[in-house]
Amino acid sequence: MTDWFMSCYIGILPIEMTLCVWDVFYEESKTLFRIALAIFKTGESKIGAVSDPLEMFGIKERRQERRDKTH
């Protein structure tokens, strides 16, 4: 699995959940992709509005900031 894909989970999910997701990867990669799709689904409207692929980093950072405020 590439580093960029695994890093998608860091900052979006709490670290405990990120570690669980990574554990799942080693057991069944289909589950990992389903979790990624679920995360993308929660930001579907914002992701769909992106005109520049680099804007995705901004979306990820804002999601991380919101998560940090709630945890």
PDB file of N, CA and C in Angstrom:
ATOM      1  N   MET A   1       0.855  -1.175   0.000  1.00  0.00           N
ATOM      2  CA  MET A   1       0.000   0.000   0.000  1.00  0.00           C
ATOM      3  C   MET A   1       0.895   1.230   0.000  1.00  0.00           C
ATOM      4  N   THR A   2       0.511   2.239  -0.732  1.00  0.00           N
ATOM      5  CA  THR A   2       1.349   3.428  -0.815  1.00  0.00           C
ATOM      6  C   THR A   2       1.194   4.306   0.413  1.00  0.00           C
ATOM      7  N   ASP A   3       2.227   5.068   0.686  1.00  0.00           N
ATOM      8  CA  ASP A   3       2.238   5.935   1.865  1.00  0.00           C
ATOM      9  C   ASP A   3       1.111   6.951   1.843  1.00  0.00           C
ATOM     10  N   TRP A   4       0.822   7.512   0.652  1.00  0.00           N
ATOM     11  CA  TRP A   4      -0.213   8.558   0.600  1.00  0.00           C
ATOM     12  C   TRP A   4      -1.566   7.997   1.014  1.00  0.00           C
ATOM     13  N   PHE A   5      -1.846   6.761   0.633  1.00  0.00           N
ATOM     14  CA  PHE A   5      -3.144   6.183   0.980  1.00  0.00           C
ATOM     15  C   PHE A   5      -3.241   5.954   2.483  1.00  0.00           C
ATOM     16  N   MET A   6      -2.184   5.430   3.067  1.00  0.00           N
ATOM     17  CA  MET A   6      -2.205   5.181   4.502  1.00  0.00           C
ATOM     18  C   MET A   6      -2.270   6.491   5.280  1.00  0.00           C
ATOM     19  N   SER A   7      -1.639   7.544   4.750  1.00  0.00           N
ATOM     20  CA  SER A   7      -1.655   8.828   5.448  1.00  0.00           C
ATOM     21  C   SER A   7      -3.018   9.498   5.383  1.00  0.00           C
ATOM     22  N   CYS A   8      -3.891   9.049   4.499  1.00  0.00           N
ATOM     23  CA  CYS A   8      -5.244   9.617   4.420  1.00  0.00           C
ATOM     24  C   CYS A   8      -5.995   9.452   5.740  1.00  0.00           C
ATOM     25  N   TYR A   9      -5.667   8.430   6.476  1.00  0.00           N
ATOM     26  CA  TYR A   9      -6.377   8.155   7.722  1.00  0.00           C
ATOM     27  C   TYR A   9      -5.860   8.986   8.889  1.00  0.00           C
ATOM     28  N   ILE A  10      -4.602   9.418   8.803  1.00  0.00           N
ATOM     29  CA  ILE A  10      -4.017  10.213   9.892  1.00  0.00           C
ATOM     30  C   ILE A  10      -4.601  11.614   9.826  1.00  0.00           C
ATOM     31  N   GLY A  11      -5.095  12.081  10.941  1.00  0.00           N
ATOM     32  CA  GLY A  11      -5.665  13.422  11.002  1.00  0.00           C
ATOM     33  C   GLY A  11      -7.154  13.457  10.733  1.00  0.00           C
ATOM     34  N   ILE A  12      -7.672  12.456  10.067  1.00  0.00           N
ATOM     35  CA  ILE A  12      -9.105  12.385   9.827  1.00  0.00           C
ATOM     36  C   ILE A  12      -9.768  11.610  10.958  1.00  0.00           C
ATOM     37  N   LEU A  13      -9.147  10.508  11.329  1.00  0.00           N
ATOM     38  CA  LEU A  13      -9.671   9.666  12.402  1.00  0.00           C
ATOM     39  C   LEU A  13      -8.809   9.839  13.648  1.00  0.00           C
ATOM     40  N   PRO A  14      -9.376   9.614  14.819  1.00  0.00           N
ATOM     41  CA  PRO A  14      -8.546   9.604  16.029  1.00  0.00           C
ATOM     42  C   PRO A  14      -7.465   8.534  15.887  1.00  0.00           C
ATOM     43  N   ILE A  15      -6.327   8.748  16.527  1.00  0.00           N
ATOM     44  CA  ILE A  15      -5.189   7.847  16.359  1.00  0.00           C
ATOM     45  C   ILE A  15      -5.535   6.403  16.713  1.00  0.00           C
ATOM     46  N   GLU A  16      -6.348   6.202  17.743  1.00  0.00           N
ATOM     47  CA  GLU A  16      -6.708   4.833  18.117  1.00  0.00           C
ATOM     48  C   GLU A  16      -7.458   4.146  16.983  1.00  0.00           C
ATOM     49  N   MET A  17      -8.348   4.893  16.335  1.00  0.00           N
ATOM     50  CA  MET A  17      -9.110   4.317  15.233  1.00  0.00           C
ATOM     51  C   MET A  17      -8.211   4.120  14.012  1.00  0.00           C
ATOM     52  N   THR A  18      -7.281   5.042  13.782  1.00  0.00           N
ATOM     53  CA  THR A  18      -6.347   4.907  12.666  1.00  0.00           C
ATOM     54  C   THR A  18      -5.551   3.616  12.804  1.00  0.00           C
ATOM     55  N   LEU A  19      -5.081   3.337  14.004  1.00  0.00           N
ATOM     56  CA  LEU A  19      -4.320   2.105  14.217  1.00  0.00           C
ATOM     57  C   LEU A  19      -5.174   0.871  13.967  1.00  0.00           C
ATOM     58  N   CYS A  20      -6.430   0.937  14.343  1.00  0.00           N
ATOM     59  CA  CYS A  20      -7.348  -0.190  14.077  1.00  0.00           C
ATOM     60  C   CYS A  20      -7.551  -0.366  12.575  1.00  0.00           C
ATOM     61  N   VAL A  21      -7.706   0.745  11.866  1.00  0.00           N
ATOM     62  CA  VAL A  21      -7.879   0.676  10.407  1.00  0.00           C
ATOM     63  C   VAL A  21      -6.657   0.045   9.771  1.00  0.00           C
ATOM     64  N   TRP A  22      -5.470   0.453  10.205  1.00  0.00           N
ATOM     65  CA  TRP A  22      -4.253  -0.131   9.654  1.00  0.00           C
ATOM     66  C   TRP A  22      -4.171  -1.620   9.952  1.00  0.00           C
ATOM     67  N   ASP A  23      -4.624  -2.038  11.126  1.00  0.00           N
ATOM     68  CA  ASP A  23      -4.651  -3.469  11.444  1.00  0.00           C
ATOM     69  C   ASP A  23      -5.549  -4.221  10.468  1.00  0.00           C
ATOM     70  N   VAL A  24      -6.669  -3.606  10.157  1.00  0.00           N
ATOM     71  CA  VAL A  24      -7.612  -4.236   9.220  1.00  0.00           C
ATOM     72  C   VAL A  24      -6.952  -4.422   7.860  1.00  0.00           C
ATOM     73  N   PHE A  25      -6.127  -3.469   7.456  1.00  0.00           N
ATOM     74  CA  PHE A  25      -5.448  -3.561   6.167  1.00  0.00           C
ATOM     75  C   PHE A  25      -4.701  -4.877   6.029  1.00  0.00           C
ATOM     76  N   TYR A  26      -4.036  -5.263   7.072  1.00  0.00           N
ATOM     77  CA  TYR A  26      -3.251  -6.490   7.009  1.00  0.00           C
ATOM     78  C   TYR A  26      -4.133  -7.736   7.012  1.00  0.00           C
ATOM     79  N   GLU A  27      -5.362  -7.591   7.456  1.00  0.00           N
ATOM     80  CA  GLU A  27      -6.276  -8.735   7.480  1.00  0.00           C
ATOM     81  C   GLU A  27      -7.104  -8.828   6.203  1.00  0.00           C
ATOM     82  N   GLU A  28      -7.602  -7.691   5.747  1.00  0.00           N
ATOM     83  CA  GLU A  28      -8.461  -7.714   4.559  1.00  0.00           C
ATOM     84  C   GLU A  28      -8.484  -6.330   3.925  1.00  0.00           C
ATOM     85  N   SER A  29      -7.829  -6.194   2.786  1.00  0.00           N
ATOM     86  CA  SER A  29      -7.689  -4.883   2.154  1.00  0.00           C
ATOM     87  C   SER A  29      -9.019  -4.321   1.654  1.00  0.00           C
ATOM     88  N   LYS A  30      -9.990  -5.163   1.341  1.00  0.00           N
ATOM     89  CA  LYS A  30     -11.292  -4.660   0.884  1.00  0.00           C
ATOM     90  C   LYS A  30     -11.940  -3.797   1.961  1.00  0.00           C
ATOM     91  N   THR A  31     -11.790  -4.176   3.191  1.00  0.00           N
ATOM     92  CA  THR A  31     -12.363  -3.414   4.302  1.00  0.00           C
ATOM     93  C   THR A  31     -11.711  -2.043   4.388  1.00  0.00           C
ATOM     94  N   LEU A  32     -10.423  -1.971   4.199  1.00  0.00           N
ATOM     95  CA  LEU A  32      -9.712  -0.703   4.240  1.00  0.00           C
ATOM     96  C   LEU A  32     -10.258   0.252   3.177  1.00  0.00           C
ATOM     97  N   PHE A  33     -10.481  -0.250   1.982  1.00  0.00           N
ATOM     98  CA  PHE A  33     -11.028   0.585   0.927  1.00  0.00           C
ATOM     99  C   PHE A  33     -12.451   1.025   1.245  1.00  0.00           C
ATOM    100  N   ARG A  34     -13.226   0.176   1.866  1.00  0.00           N
ATOM    101  CA  ARG A  34     -14.592   0.556   2.255  1.00  0.00           C
ATOM    102  C   ARG A  34     -14.579   1.679   3.289  1.00  0.00           C
ATOM    103  N   ILE A  35     -13.647   1.621   4.225  1.00  0.00           N
ATOM    104  CA  ILE A  35     -13.528   2.679   5.220  1.00  0.00           C
ATOM    105  C   ILE A  35     -13.124   3.980   4.539  1.00  0.00           C
ATOM    106  N   ALA A  36     -12.174   3.904   3.612  1.00  0.00           N
ATOM    107  CA  ALA A  36     -11.754   5.101   2.872  1.00  0.00           C
ATOM    108  C   ALA A  36     -12.919   5.700   2.103  1.00  0.00           C
ATOM    109  N   LEU A  37     -13.705   4.858   1.458  1.00  0.00           N
ATOM    110  CA  LEU A  37     -14.869   5.356   0.722  1.00  0.00           C
ATOM    111  C   LEU A  37     -15.879   6.020   1.651  1.00  0.00           C
ATOM    112  N   ALA A  38     -16.053   5.463   2.833  1.00  0.00           N
ATOM    113  CA  ALA A  38     -16.976   6.061   3.803  1.00  0.00           C
ATOM    114  C   ALA A  38     -16.480   7.437   4.242  1.00  0.00           C
ATOM    115  N   ILE A  39     -15.173   7.568   4.446  1.00  0.00           N
ATOM    116  CA  ILE A  39     -14.610   8.869   4.814  1.00  0.00           C
ATOM    117  C   ILE A  39     -14.816   9.861   3.674  1.00  0.00           C
ATOM    118  N   PHE A  40     -14.532   9.432   2.454  1.00  0.00           N
ATOM    119  CA  PHE A  40     -14.743  10.315   1.307  1.00  0.00           C
ATOM    120  C   PHE A  40     -16.213  10.677   1.150  1.00  0.00           C
ATOM    121  N   LYS A  41     -17.092   9.760   1.441  1.00  0.00           N
ATOM    122  CA  LYS A  41     -18.528  10.010   1.319  1.00  0.00           C
ATOM    123  C   LYS A  41     -18.974  11.132   2.258  1.00  0.00           C
ATOM    124  N   THR A  42     -18.378  11.199   3.448  1.00  0.00           N
ATOM    125  CA  THR A  42     -18.765  12.253   4.390  1.00  0.00           C
ATOM    126  C   THR A  42     -18.387  13.638   3.888  1.00  0.00           C
ATOM    127  N   GLY A  43     -17.392  13.727   3.020  1.00  0.00           N
ATOM    128  CA  GLY A  43     -16.989  15.020   2.469  1.00  0.00           C
ATOM    129  C   GLY A  43     -17.294  15.154   0.994  1.00  0.00           C
ATOM    130  N   GLU A  44     -18.243  14.373   0.517  1.00  0.00           N
ATOM    131  CA  GLU A  44     -18.540  14.290  -0.913  1.00  0.00           C
ATOM    132  C   GLU A  44     -18.837  15.643  -1.551  1.00  0.00           C
ATOM    133  N   SER A  45     -19.639  16.474  -0.905  1.00  0.00           N
ATOM    134  CA  SER A  45     -19.999  17.755  -1.518  1.00  0.00           C
ATOM    135  C   SER A  45     -18.785  18.665  -1.651  1.00  0.00           C
ATOM    136  N   LYS A  46     -17.919  18.670  -0.640  1.00  0.00           N
ATOM    137  CA  LYS A  46     -16.710  19.504  -0.698  1.00  0.00           C
ATOM    138  C   LYS A  46     -15.718  18.950  -1.702  1.00  0.00           C
ATOM    139  N   ILE A  47     -15.585  17.650  -1.747  1.00  0.00           N
ATOM    140  CA  ILE A  47     -14.663  17.023  -2.691  1.00  0.00           C
ATOM    141  C   ILE A  47     -15.137  17.270  -4.125  1.00  0.00           C
ATOM    142  N   GLY A  48     -16.436  17.198  -4.344  1.00  0.00           N
ATOM    143  CA  GLY A  48     -16.988  17.434  -5.678  1.00  0.00           C
ATOM    144  C   GLY A  48     -16.799  18.853  -6.165  1.00  0.00           C
ATOM    145  N   ALA A  49     -16.635  19.784  -5.250  1.00  0.00           N
ATOM    146  CA  ALA A  49     -16.472  21.190  -5.617  1.00  0.00           C
ATOM    147  C   ALA A  49     -15.020  21.562  -5.894  1.00  0.00           C
ATOM    148  N   VAL A  50     -14.104  20.627  -5.704  1.00  0.00           N
ATOM    149  CA  VAL A  50     -12.676  20.897  -5.900  1.00  0.00           C
ATOM    150  C   VAL A  50     -12.372  21.035  -7.387  1.00  0.00           C
ATOM    151  N   SER A  51     -11.727  22.147  -7.730  1.00  0.00           N
ATOM    152  CA  SER A  51     -11.313  22.330  -9.124  1.00  0.00           C
ATOM    153  C   SER A  51      -9.820  22.055  -9.306  1.00  0.00           C
ATOM    154  N   ASP A  52      -9.070  22.199  -8.230  1.00  0.00           N
ATOM    155  CA  ASP A  52      -7.631  21.954  -8.258  1.00  0.00           C
ATOM    156  C   ASP A  52      -7.335  20.799  -7.301  1.00  0.00           C
ATOM    157  N   PRO A  53      -6.693  19.740  -7.781  1.00  0.00           N
ATOM    158  CA  PRO A  53      -6.423  18.588  -6.908  1.00  0.00           C
ATOM    159  C   PRO A  53      -5.691  18.957  -5.615  1.00  0.00           C
ATOM    160  N   LEU A  54      -4.899  20.016  -5.632  1.00  0.00           N
ATOM    161  CA  LEU A  54      -4.180  20.411  -4.430  1.00  0.00           C
ATOM    162  C   LEU A  54      -5.122  20.937  -3.347  1.00  0.00           C
ATOM    163  N   GLU A  55      -6.326  21.324  -3.721  1.00  0.00           N
ATOM    164  CA  GLU A  55      -7.312  21.772  -2.742  1.00  0.00           C
ATOM    165  C   GLU A  55      -7.703  20.647  -1.786  1.00  0.00           C
ATOM    166  N   MET A  56      -7.485  19.411  -2.205  1.00  0.00           N
ATOM    167  CA  MET A  56      -7.817  18.268  -1.349  1.00  0.00           C
ATOM    168  C   MET A  56      -7.034  18.325  -0.039  1.00  0.00           C
ATOM    169  N   PHE A  57      -5.810  18.837  -0.084  1.00  0.00           N
ATOM    170  CA  PHE A  57      -5.017  18.948   1.144  1.00  0.00           C
ATOM    171  C   PHE A  57      -5.674  19.925   2.116  1.00  0.00           C
ATOM    172  N   GLY A  58      -6.240  21.008   1.583  1.00  0.00           N
ATOM    173  CA  GLY A  58      -6.936  21.973   2.429  1.00  0.00           C
ATOM    174  C   GLY A  58      -8.162  21.368   3.081  1.00  0.00           C
ATOM    175  N   ILE A  59      -8.894  20.567   2.327  1.00  0.00           N
ATOM    176  CA  ILE A  59     -10.078  19.894   2.872  1.00  0.00           C
ATOM    177  C   ILE A  59      -9.656  18.965   3.998  1.00  0.00           C
ATOM    178  N   LYS A  60      -8.593  18.196   3.760  1.00  0.00           N
ATOM    179  CA  LYS A  60      -8.101  17.264   4.787  1.00  0.00           C
ATOM    180  C   LYS A  60      -7.673  18.023   6.042  1.00  0.00           C
ATOM    181  N   GLU A  61      -6.963  19.132   5.870  1.00  0.00           N
ATOM    182  CA  GLU A  61      -6.505  19.901   7.029  1.00  0.00           C
ATOM    183  C   GLU A  61      -7.674  20.476   7.819  1.00  0.00           C
ATOM    184  N   ARG A  62      -8.682  20.997   7.136  1.00  0.00           N
ATOM    185  CA  ARG A  62      -9.844  21.554   7.841  1.00  0.00           C
ATOM    186  C   ARG A  62     -10.601  20.460   8.587  1.00  0.00           C
ATOM    187  N   ARG A  63     -10.693  19.267   7.990  1.00  0.00           N
ATOM    188  CA  ARG A  63     -11.353  18.152   8.685  1.00  0.00           C
ATOM    189  C   ARG A  63     -10.570  17.775   9.936  1.00  0.00           C
ATOM    190  N   GLN A  64      -9.239  17.806   9.822  1.00  0.00           N
ATOM    191  CA  GLN A  64      -8.408  17.482  10.982  1.00  0.00           C
ATOM    192  C   GLN A  64      -8.601  18.517  12.076  1.00  0.00           C
ATOM    193  N   GLU A  65      -8.673  19.785  11.720  1.00  0.00           N
ATOM    194  CA  GLU A  65      -8.880  20.836  12.720  1.00  0.00           C
ATOM    195  C   GLU A  65     -10.223  20.658  13.423  1.00  0.00           C
ATOM    196  N   ARG A  66     -11.275  20.328  12.666  1.00  0.00           N
ATOM    197  CA  ARG A  66     -12.597  20.104  13.277  1.00  0.00           C
ATOM    198  C   ARG A  66     -12.554  18.882  14.190  1.00  0.00           C
ATOM    199  N   ARG A  67     -11.871  17.839  13.777  1.00  0.00           N
ATOM    200  CA  ARG A  67     -11.775  16.638  14.602  1.00  0.00           C
ATOM    201  C   ARG A  67     -11.027  16.943  15.887  1.00  0.00           C
ATOM    202  N   ASP A  68      -9.956  17.710  15.790  1.00  0.00           N
ATOM    203  CA  ASP A  68      -9.184  18.052  16.984  1.00  0.00           C
ATOM    204  C   ASP A  68      -9.998  18.866  17.975  1.00  0.00           C
ATOM    205  N   LYS A  69     -10.873  19.699  17.490  1.00  0.00           N
ATOM    206  CA  LYS A  69     -11.709  20.511  18.374  1.00  0.00           C
ATOM    207  C   LYS A  69     -12.747  19.672  19.101  1.00  0.00           C
ATOM    208  N   THR A  70     -13.165  18.574  18.491  1.00  0.00           N
ATOM    209  CA  THR A  70     -14.198  17.742  19.104  1.00  0.00           C
ATOM    210  C   THR A  70     -13.623  16.632  19.980  1.00  0.00           C
ATOM    211  N   HIS A  71     -12.317  16.348  19.857  1.00  0.00           N
ATOM    212  CA  HIS A  71     -11.717  15.263  20.648  1.00  0.00           C
ATOM    213  C   HIS A  71     -10.776  15.820  21.634  1.00  0.00           C
TER     214      HIS A  71
END
